Structures are given as structure tokens and as C-alpha cells.
């Protein structure tokens, strides 16, 4: 395959997730220039996945190399693309095609911003976007503390990034306080400035 890598393509940022039919192998690794990962499948064999931003036929996308199998992955307007080879699936999210990140000061209460208050919201947690906490960390705490699957956690993380934050309803204020404290503690221990706290509509 003859694809031309361009400076414009090289500067873009992506998130890659790699799945085997039986298991998830990699989730939300961020890359820009080139991504190479050797993964071990459930049967013990290994595969090397190489992803390189490239141009093909005037379209920006990703050159996909799976242990010698080469293909071109387009990046769709919905900011993701995928390619399956044998029992391996690779999904790409284009971070730079997303709307610009929105950020609020840490003291902002999202309950005062009507467009960010979900219908029927009474109490829950609020998470604010910042420019230092890694996206994969946010996905991880959403999975661990809210019980979301990784696909839903990834979508919520991108919404937090784009909208400046999110309000997530819980069954009770006590539950919200517990979850928010756990996320805030985990962020502090990891050295991330992520703001997460309980929120309620008075």
C-alpha cells in the first residue's frame, strides 16, 4: 500500500482501543505520530499492531498494519473509525476533530448552567474538565466508580472534555458523596487536578 504521511496528519491526536473477540486488550491509549503495540491474545499468540496517520487518495486516515496485514482506516465525521482483521478489532477516536475543549474555573457549580443539567436531575456528582488529567484516567475512574462499561465511559469522558463537565445522577446524596470522595481521592493520589464533587439541586 502506498500512502503518504503528511505533517498535518502527523500532528493530529487519536485514542486507540484494541479488542479481541473474547476480551478487551487495550483501551484509550492516546497517540499522535505513530502507535506500535504488541498484544497477547487469549490463545497465547501475539500480534503487533502499528498505526500511522496517513493520507490516501486525498483522505486523512490511519494506515493499519497488523503483523504484516496492511489496510487504510478512514476517520469518520463522527470522530471514530474501526477496522477488523481476523479476530482483532481496532477502533480510533480522532481527538482533534472534536469541538474545542471547554473549561470552567474549579469552583464552578454545573448546577448553575442550565444546558448542563440533565432533565430530572436531583442529586449526583459533577466532574469538571481540565487540561492536565489524562483522558484514560477519567475513563478508568468512571468504569471503577460508576460501573460503566468502557464504551459508555469513553463517550462520557469525551462529553466532559467537550462540554466542560458533566452532572451524573445518583440514587441518593449519600451515594454521590461517597463516589465523589473516592474519585477525588484517587485523582489526588495520582497527582491529577480532576474536580469531582457531590452536587444537588436545592
C-alpha atoms as a PDB file:
ATOM      1  CA  UNK A   1       0.000   0.000   0.000  1.00  0.00           C
ATOM      2  CA  UNK A   2       1.360   3.377  -0.947  1.00  0.00           C
ATOM      3  CA  UNK A   3       0.170   6.105   1.406  1.00  0.00           C
ATOM      4  CA  UNK A   4       1.746   9.464   2.004  1.00  0.00           C
ATOM      5  CA  UNK A   5       2.188  10.639   5.582  1.00  0.00           C
ATOM      6  CA  UNK A   6       1.715  14.389   5.880  1.00  0.00           C
ATOM      7  CA  UNK A   7       2.753  16.900   8.523  1.00  0.00           C
ATOM      8  CA  UNK A   8      -0.910  17.757   9.010  1.00  0.00           C
ATOM      9  CA  UNK A   9      -1.797  14.136   9.640  1.00  0.00           C
ATOM     10  CA  UNK A  10       1.175  13.642  11.970  1.00  0.00           C
ATOM     11  CA  UNK A  11       0.039  16.465  14.250  1.00  0.00           C
ATOM     12  CA  UNK A  12      -3.398  15.021  14.880  1.00  0.00           C
ATOM     13  CA  UNK A  13      -4.161  13.250  18.163  1.00  0.00           C
ATOM     14  CA  UNK A  14      -6.008   9.967  18.424  1.00  0.00           C
ATOM     15  CA  UNK A  15      -7.186   7.474  21.014  1.00  0.00           C
ATOM     16  CA  UNK A  16      -6.954   3.796  20.113  1.00  0.00           C
ATOM     17  CA  UNK A  17      -8.753   0.810  21.631  1.00  0.00           C
ATOM     18  CA  UNK A  18      -7.933  -2.775  20.606  1.00  0.00           C
ATOM     19  CA  UNK A  19     -10.342  -5.657  21.121  1.00  0.00           C
ATOM     20  CA  UNK A  20     -10.189  -9.371  20.564  1.00  0.00           C
ATOM     21  CA  UNK A  21     -13.481 -11.192  20.084  1.00  0.00           C
ATOM     22  CA  UNK A  22     -13.081 -12.688  23.579  1.00  0.00           C
ATOM     23  CA  UNK A  23     -11.557  -9.794  25.504  1.00  0.00           C
ATOM     24  CA  UNK A  24     -10.550  -6.166  25.588  1.00  0.00           C
ATOM     25  CA  UNK A  25      -6.786  -5.827  25.219  1.00  0.00           C
ATOM     26  CA  UNK A  26      -6.053  -2.081  25.069  1.00  0.00           C
ATOM     27  CA  UNK A  27      -8.331   0.783  25.985  1.00  0.00           C
ATOM     28  CA  UNK A  28      -7.947   4.509  25.356  1.00  0.00           C
ATOM     29  CA  UNK A  29      -4.219   4.762  24.604  1.00  0.00           C
ATOM     30  CA  UNK A  30      -3.533   8.242  23.214  1.00  0.00           C
ATOM     31  CA  UNK A  31      -1.099   8.696  20.306  1.00  0.00           C
ATOM     32  CA  UNK A  32      -0.227  11.165  17.567  1.00  0.00           C
ATOM     33  CA  UNK A  33       2.779  10.368  15.325  1.00  0.00           C
ATOM     34  CA  UNK A  34       2.823   6.571  15.352  1.00  0.00           C
ATOM     35  CA  UNK A  35       1.477   3.839  17.602  1.00  0.00           C
ATOM     36  CA  UNK A  36       3.012   0.364  17.953  1.00  0.00           C
ATOM     37  CA  UNK A  37       1.717  -2.226  20.399  1.00  0.00           C
ATOM     38  CA  UNK A  38       2.345  -5.962  20.688  1.00  0.00           C
ATOM     39  CA  UNK A  39      -0.676  -7.624  22.273  1.00  0.00           C
ATOM     40  CA  UNK A  40      -1.182 -11.123  23.614  1.00  0.00           C
ATOM     41  CA  UNK A  41      -4.391 -12.833  22.548  1.00  0.00           C
ATOM     42  CA  UNK A  42      -6.436 -15.231  24.650  1.00  0.00           C
ATOM     43  CA  UNK A  43      -4.826 -18.230  22.921  1.00  0.00           C
ATOM     44  CA  UNK A  44      -1.338 -17.042  23.926  1.00  0.00           C
ATOM     45  CA  UNK A  45      -0.266 -15.845  20.464  1.00  0.00           C
ATOM     46  CA  UNK A  46       0.970 -12.303  19.933  1.00  0.00           C
ATOM     47  CA  UNK A  47       0.137  -9.725  17.281  1.00  0.00           C
ATOM     48  CA  UNK A  48       1.857  -6.410  16.607  1.00  0.00           C
ATOM     49  CA  UNK A  49      -0.439  -3.528  15.695  1.00  0.00           C
ATOM     50  CA  UNK A  50       1.078  -0.439  14.084  1.00  0.00           C
ATOM     51  CA  UNK A  51      -0.990   2.679  13.402  1.00  0.00           C
ATOM     52  CA  UNK A  52       0.364   5.628  11.413  1.00  0.00           C
ATOM     53  CA  UNK A  53      -1.556   8.810  10.475  1.00  0.00           C
ATOM     54  CA  UNK A  54      -1.504   8.948   6.676  1.00  0.00           C
ATOM     55  CA  UNK A  55      -3.112  10.352   3.557  1.00  0.00           C
ATOM     56  CA  UNK A  56      -4.570   8.006   0.942  1.00  0.00           C
ATOM     57  CA  UNK A  57      -6.369   9.255  -2.148  1.00  0.00           C
ATOM     58  CA  UNK A  58      -6.574  12.745  -0.641  1.00  0.00           C
ATOM     59  CA  UNK A  59      -8.266  11.493   2.545  1.00  0.00           C
ATOM     60  CA  UNK A  60      -6.784  11.664   6.043  1.00  0.00           C
ATOM     61  CA  UNK A  61      -6.860   8.449   7.996  1.00  0.00           C
ATOM     62  CA  UNK A  62      -4.753   5.775   9.628  1.00  0.00           C
ATOM     63  CA  UNK A  63      -2.517   3.191   7.983  1.00  0.00           C
ATOM     64  CA  UNK A  64      -3.186  -0.043   9.878  1.00  0.00           C
ATOM     65  CA  UNK A  65      -0.518  -2.784   9.982  1.00  0.00           C
ATOM     66  CA  UNK A  66      -1.414  -5.957  11.887  1.00  0.00           C
ATOM     67  CA  UNK A  67       1.652  -8.244  11.771  1.00  0.00           C
ATOM     68  CA  UNK A  68       2.065  -7.725   8.023  1.00  0.00           C
ATOM     69  CA  UNK A  69      -1.611  -7.199   7.085  1.00  0.00           C
ATOM     70  CA  UNK A  70      -1.951  -3.606   5.864  1.00  0.00           C
ATOM     71  CA  UNK A  71      -5.108  -1.573   5.374  1.00  0.00           C
ATOM     72  CA  UNK A  72      -6.224   2.052   5.427  1.00  0.00           C
ATOM     73  CA  UNK A  73      -8.687   3.177   8.105  1.00  0.00           C
ATOM     74  CA  UNK A  74     -10.720   6.274   7.349  1.00  0.00           C
ATOM     75  CA  UNK A  75     -11.600   8.657  10.174  1.00  0.00           C
ATOM     76  CA  UNK A  76     -15.323   9.268  10.007  1.00  0.00           C
ATOM     77  CA  UNK A  77     -17.028  12.620  10.736  1.00  0.00           C
ATOM     78  CA  UNK A  78     -18.425  11.112  13.945  1.00  0.00           C
ATOM     79  CA  UNK A  79     -14.808  11.117  15.177  1.00  0.00           C
ATOM     80  CA  UNK A  80     -14.213   7.381  15.107  1.00  0.00           C
ATOM     81  CA  UNK A  81     -13.314   4.623  12.741  1.00  0.00           C
ATOM     82  CA  UNK A  82     -12.723   0.931  13.034  1.00  0.00           C
ATOM     83  CA  UNK A  83     -11.049  -1.966  11.298  1.00  0.00           C
ATOM     84  CA  UNK A  84     -11.322  -5.692  11.910  1.00  0.00           C
ATOM     85  CA  UNK A  85      -8.711  -8.264  10.862  1.00  0.00           C
ATOM     86  CA  UNK A  86      -9.336 -11.898  11.790  1.00  0.00           C
ATOM     87  CA  UNK A  87     -10.374 -11.803  15.457  1.00  0.00           C
ATOM     88  CA  UNK A  88      -8.834  -8.403  16.222  1.00  0.00           C
ATOM     89  CA  UNK A  89     -10.744  -5.113  16.107  1.00  0.00           C
ATOM     90  CA  UNK A  90      -9.145  -1.669  16.344  1.00  0.00           C
ATOM     91  CA  UNK A  91     -11.183   1.496  16.999  1.00  0.00           C
ATOM     92  CA  UNK A  92      -9.846   5.029  16.598  1.00  0.00           C
ATOM     93  CA  UNK A  93     -11.237   8.282  18.037  1.00  0.00           C
ATOM     94  CA  UNK A  94      -9.980  11.498  16.442  1.00  0.00           C
ATOM     95  CA  UNK A  95      -9.487  13.921  19.355  1.00  0.00           C
ATOM     96  CA  UNK A  96      -8.671  16.891  17.154  1.00  0.00           C
ATOM     97  CA  UNK A  97     -11.903  16.622  15.181  1.00  0.00           C
ATOM     98  CA  UNK A  98     -13.869  17.066  18.403  1.00  0.00           C
ATOM     99  CA  UNK A  99     -15.112  20.538  19.307  1.00  0.00           C
ATOM    100  CA  UNK A 100     -12.594  22.575  21.286  1.00  0.00           C
ATOM    101  CA  UNK A 101     -12.410  21.602  24.924  1.00  0.00           C
ATOM    102  CA  UNK A 102     -14.403  23.772  27.282  1.00  0.00           C
ATOM    103  CA  UNK A 103     -13.153  24.510  30.792  1.00  0.00           C
ATOM    104  CA  UNK A 104     -14.692  26.194  33.800  1.00  0.00           C
ATOM    105  CA  UNK A 105     -12.939  27.522  36.907  1.00  0.00           C
ATOM    106  CA  UNK A 106     -12.664  24.771  39.576  1.00  0.00           C
ATOM    107  CA  UNK A 107     -15.189  26.489  41.833  1.00  0.00           C
ATOM    108  CA  UNK A 108     -17.913  26.431  39.151  1.00  0.00           C
ATOM    109  CA  UNK A 109     -21.106  24.611  40.079  1.00  0.00           C
ATOM    110  CA  UNK A 110     -22.511  22.933  36.983  1.00  0.00           C
ATOM    111  CA  UNK A 111     -25.998  23.046  38.532  1.00  0.00           C
ATOM    112  CA  UNK A 112     -25.987  26.796  37.741  1.00  0.00           C
ATOM    113  CA  UNK A 113     -25.544  26.139  33.997  1.00  0.00           C
ATOM    114  CA  UNK A 114     -28.970  25.029  32.690  1.00  0.00           C
ATOM    115  CA  UNK A 115     -27.630  23.425  29.498  1.00  0.00           C
ATOM    116  CA  UNK A 116     -25.541  21.017  31.595  1.00  0.00           C
ATOM    117  CA  UNK A 117     -28.298  19.937  33.988  1.00  0.00           C
ATOM    118  CA  UNK A 118     -29.889  16.657  32.796  1.00  0.00           C
ATOM    119  CA  UNK A 119     -33.702  16.522  32.883  1.00  0.00           C
ATOM    120  CA  UNK A 120     -34.921  15.350  36.269  1.00  0.00           C
ATOM    121  CA  UNK A 121     -31.512  15.752  37.934  1.00  0.00           C
ATOM    122  CA  UNK A 122     -31.870  15.995  41.739  1.00  0.00           C
ATOM    123  CA  UNK A 123     -28.511  14.861  43.084  1.00  0.00           C
ATOM    124  CA  UNK A 124     -25.347  13.226  41.839  1.00  0.00           C
ATOM    125  CA  UNK A 125     -21.733  14.009  41.093  1.00  0.00           C
ATOM    126  CA  UNK A 126     -20.199  16.720  38.969  1.00  0.00           C
ATOM    127  CA  UNK A 127     -16.914  16.297  37.134  1.00  0.00           C
ATOM    128  CA  UNK A 128     -15.155  19.290  35.582  1.00  0.00           C
ATOM    129  CA  UNK A 129     -12.834  19.199  32.592  1.00  0.00           C
ATOM    130  CA  UNK A 130      -9.228  20.331  32.990  1.00  0.00           C
ATOM    131  CA  UNK A 131      -6.187  20.389  30.735  1.00  0.00           C
ATOM    132  CA  UNK A 132      -3.940  18.072  32.784  1.00  0.00           C
ATOM    133  CA  UNK A 133      -5.849  14.965  33.873  1.00  0.00           C
ATOM    134  CA  UNK A 134      -5.223  12.162  31.344  1.00  0.00           C
ATOM    135  CA  UNK A 135      -8.300  11.003  29.455  1.00  0.00           C
ATOM    136  CA  UNK A 136      -7.541   7.367  30.218  1.00  0.00           C
ATOM    137  CA  UNK A 137      -7.553   8.167  33.950  1.00  0.00           C
ATOM    138  CA  UNK A 138     -11.035   9.696  33.679  1.00  0.00           C
ATOM    139  CA  UNK A 139     -12.298   6.670  31.760  1.00  0.00           C
ATOM    140  CA  UNK A 140     -10.817   4.371  34.393  1.00  0.00           C
ATOM    141  CA  UNK A 141     -12.498   6.080  37.347  1.00  0.00           C
ATOM    142  CA  UNK A 142     -15.835   6.221  35.524  1.00  0.00           C
ATOM    143  CA  UNK A 143     -15.639   2.471  34.996  1.00  0.00           C
ATOM    144  CA  UNK A 144     -14.453   1.719  38.544  1.00  0.00           C
ATOM    145  CA  UNK A 145     -16.696   4.083  40.487  1.00  0.00           C
ATOM    146  CA  UNK A 146     -19.850   4.289  38.357  1.00  0.00           C
ATOM    147  CA  UNK A 147     -19.882   0.768  36.948  1.00  0.00           C
ATOM    148  CA  UNK A 148     -19.978   1.980  33.340  1.00  0.00           C
ATOM    149  CA  UNK A 149     -18.665  -0.204  30.550  1.00  0.00           C
ATOM    150  CA  UNK A 150     -15.627   1.206  28.772  1.00  0.00           C
ATOM    151  CA  UNK A 151     -17.533   2.297  25.677  1.00  0.00           C
ATOM    152  CA  UNK A 152     -20.010   4.359  27.735  1.00  0.00           C
ATOM    153  CA  UNK A 153     -17.203   5.681  29.945  1.00  0.00           C
ATOM    154  CA  UNK A 154     -15.277   6.793  26.866  1.00  0.00           C
ATOM    155  CA  UNK A 155     -18.304   8.629  25.470  1.00  0.00           C
ATOM    156  CA  UNK A 156     -18.916  10.324  28.840  1.00  0.00           C
ATOM    157  CA  UNK A 157     -15.255  11.326  29.090  1.00  0.00           C
ATOM    158  CA  UNK A 158     -15.429  12.934  25.635  1.00  0.00           C
ATOM    159  CA  UNK A 159     -18.626  14.762  26.657  1.00  0.00           C
ATOM    160  CA  UNK A 160     -16.877  16.096  29.778  1.00  0.00           C
ATOM    161  CA  UNK A 161     -13.958  17.211  27.594  1.00  0.00           C
ATOM    162  CA  UNK A 162     -16.176  18.964  25.036  1.00  0.00           C
ATOM    163  CA  UNK A 163     -18.846  20.445  27.333  1.00  0.00           C
ATOM    164  CA  UNK A 164     -16.587  21.430  30.222  1.00  0.00           C
ATOM    165  CA  UNK A 165     -18.060  18.951  32.662  1.00  0.00           C
ATOM    166  CA  UNK A 166     -20.949  16.646  33.407  1.00  0.00           C
ATOM    167  CA  UNK A 167     -23.573  16.048  36.066  1.00  0.00           C
ATOM    168  CA  UNK A 168     -24.199  12.349  36.674  1.00  0.00           C
ATOM    169  CA  UNK A 169     -27.276  11.431  38.682  1.00  0.00           C
ATOM    170  CA  UNK A 170     -27.148   9.031  41.634  1.00  0.00           C
ATOM    171  CA  UNK A 171     -29.872   7.404  43.733  1.00  0.00           C
ATOM    172  CA  UNK A 172     -29.054   9.451  46.826  1.00  0.00           C
ATOM    173  CA  UNK A 173     -26.905  12.327  48.018  1.00  0.00           C
ATOM    174  CA  UNK A 174     -25.020   9.914  50.289  1.00  0.00           C
ATOM    175  CA  UNK A 175     -24.117   7.764  47.282  1.00  0.00           C
ATOM    176  CA  UNK A 176     -22.994  10.882  45.387  1.00  0.00           C
ATOM    177  CA  UNK A 177     -20.802  11.986  48.294  1.00  0.00           C
ATOM    178  CA  UNK A 178     -19.192   8.539  48.547  1.00  0.00           C
ATOM    179  CA  UNK A 179     -18.466   8.255  44.813  1.00  0.00           C
ATOM    180  CA  UNK A 180     -17.185  11.839  44.551  1.00  0.00           C
ATOM    181  CA  UNK A 181     -14.861  11.339  47.541  1.00  0.00           C
ATOM    182  CA  UNK A 182     -13.454   8.135  46.032  1.00  0.00           C
ATOM    183  CA  UNK A 183     -12.811   9.745  42.647  1.00  0.00           C
ATOM    184  CA  UNK A 184     -11.288  12.887  44.198  1.00  0.00           C
ATOM    185  CA  UNK A 185      -9.039  10.790  46.443  1.00  0.00           C
ATOM    186  CA  UNK A 186      -7.877   8.626  43.547  1.00  0.00           C
ATOM    187  CA  UNK A 187      -7.148  11.732  41.444  1.00  0.00           C
ATOM    188  CA  UNK A 188      -5.172  13.378  44.262  1.00  0.00           C
ATOM    189  CA  UNK A 189      -3.132  10.212  44.870  1.00  0.00           C
ATOM    190  CA  UNK A 190      -2.304  10.094  41.149  1.00  0.00           C
ATOM    191  CA  UNK A 191      -1.338  13.778  41.090  1.00  0.00           C
ATOM    192  CA  UNK A 192      -4.234  14.855  38.847  1.00  0.00           C
ATOM    193  CA  UNK A 193      -6.247  18.076  39.414  1.00  0.00           C
ATOM    194  CA  UNK A 194      -9.585  16.464  38.474  1.00  0.00           C
ATOM    195  CA  UNK A 195     -12.503  18.173  40.219  1.00  0.00           C
ATOM    196  CA  UNK A 196     -15.241  15.763  41.281  1.00  0.00           C
ATOM    197  CA  UNK A 197     -17.760  16.503  44.000  1.00  0.00           C
ATOM    198  CA  UNK A 198     -21.312  15.810  45.062  1.00  0.00           C
ATOM    199  CA  UNK A 199     -23.934  18.147  43.599  1.00  0.00           C
ATOM    200  CA  UNK A 200     -27.586  18.719  44.359  1.00  0.00           C
ATOM    201  CA  UNK A 201     -30.415  20.909  43.131  1.00  0.00           C
ATOM    202  CA  UNK A 202     -31.672  22.876  46.128  1.00  0.00           C
END
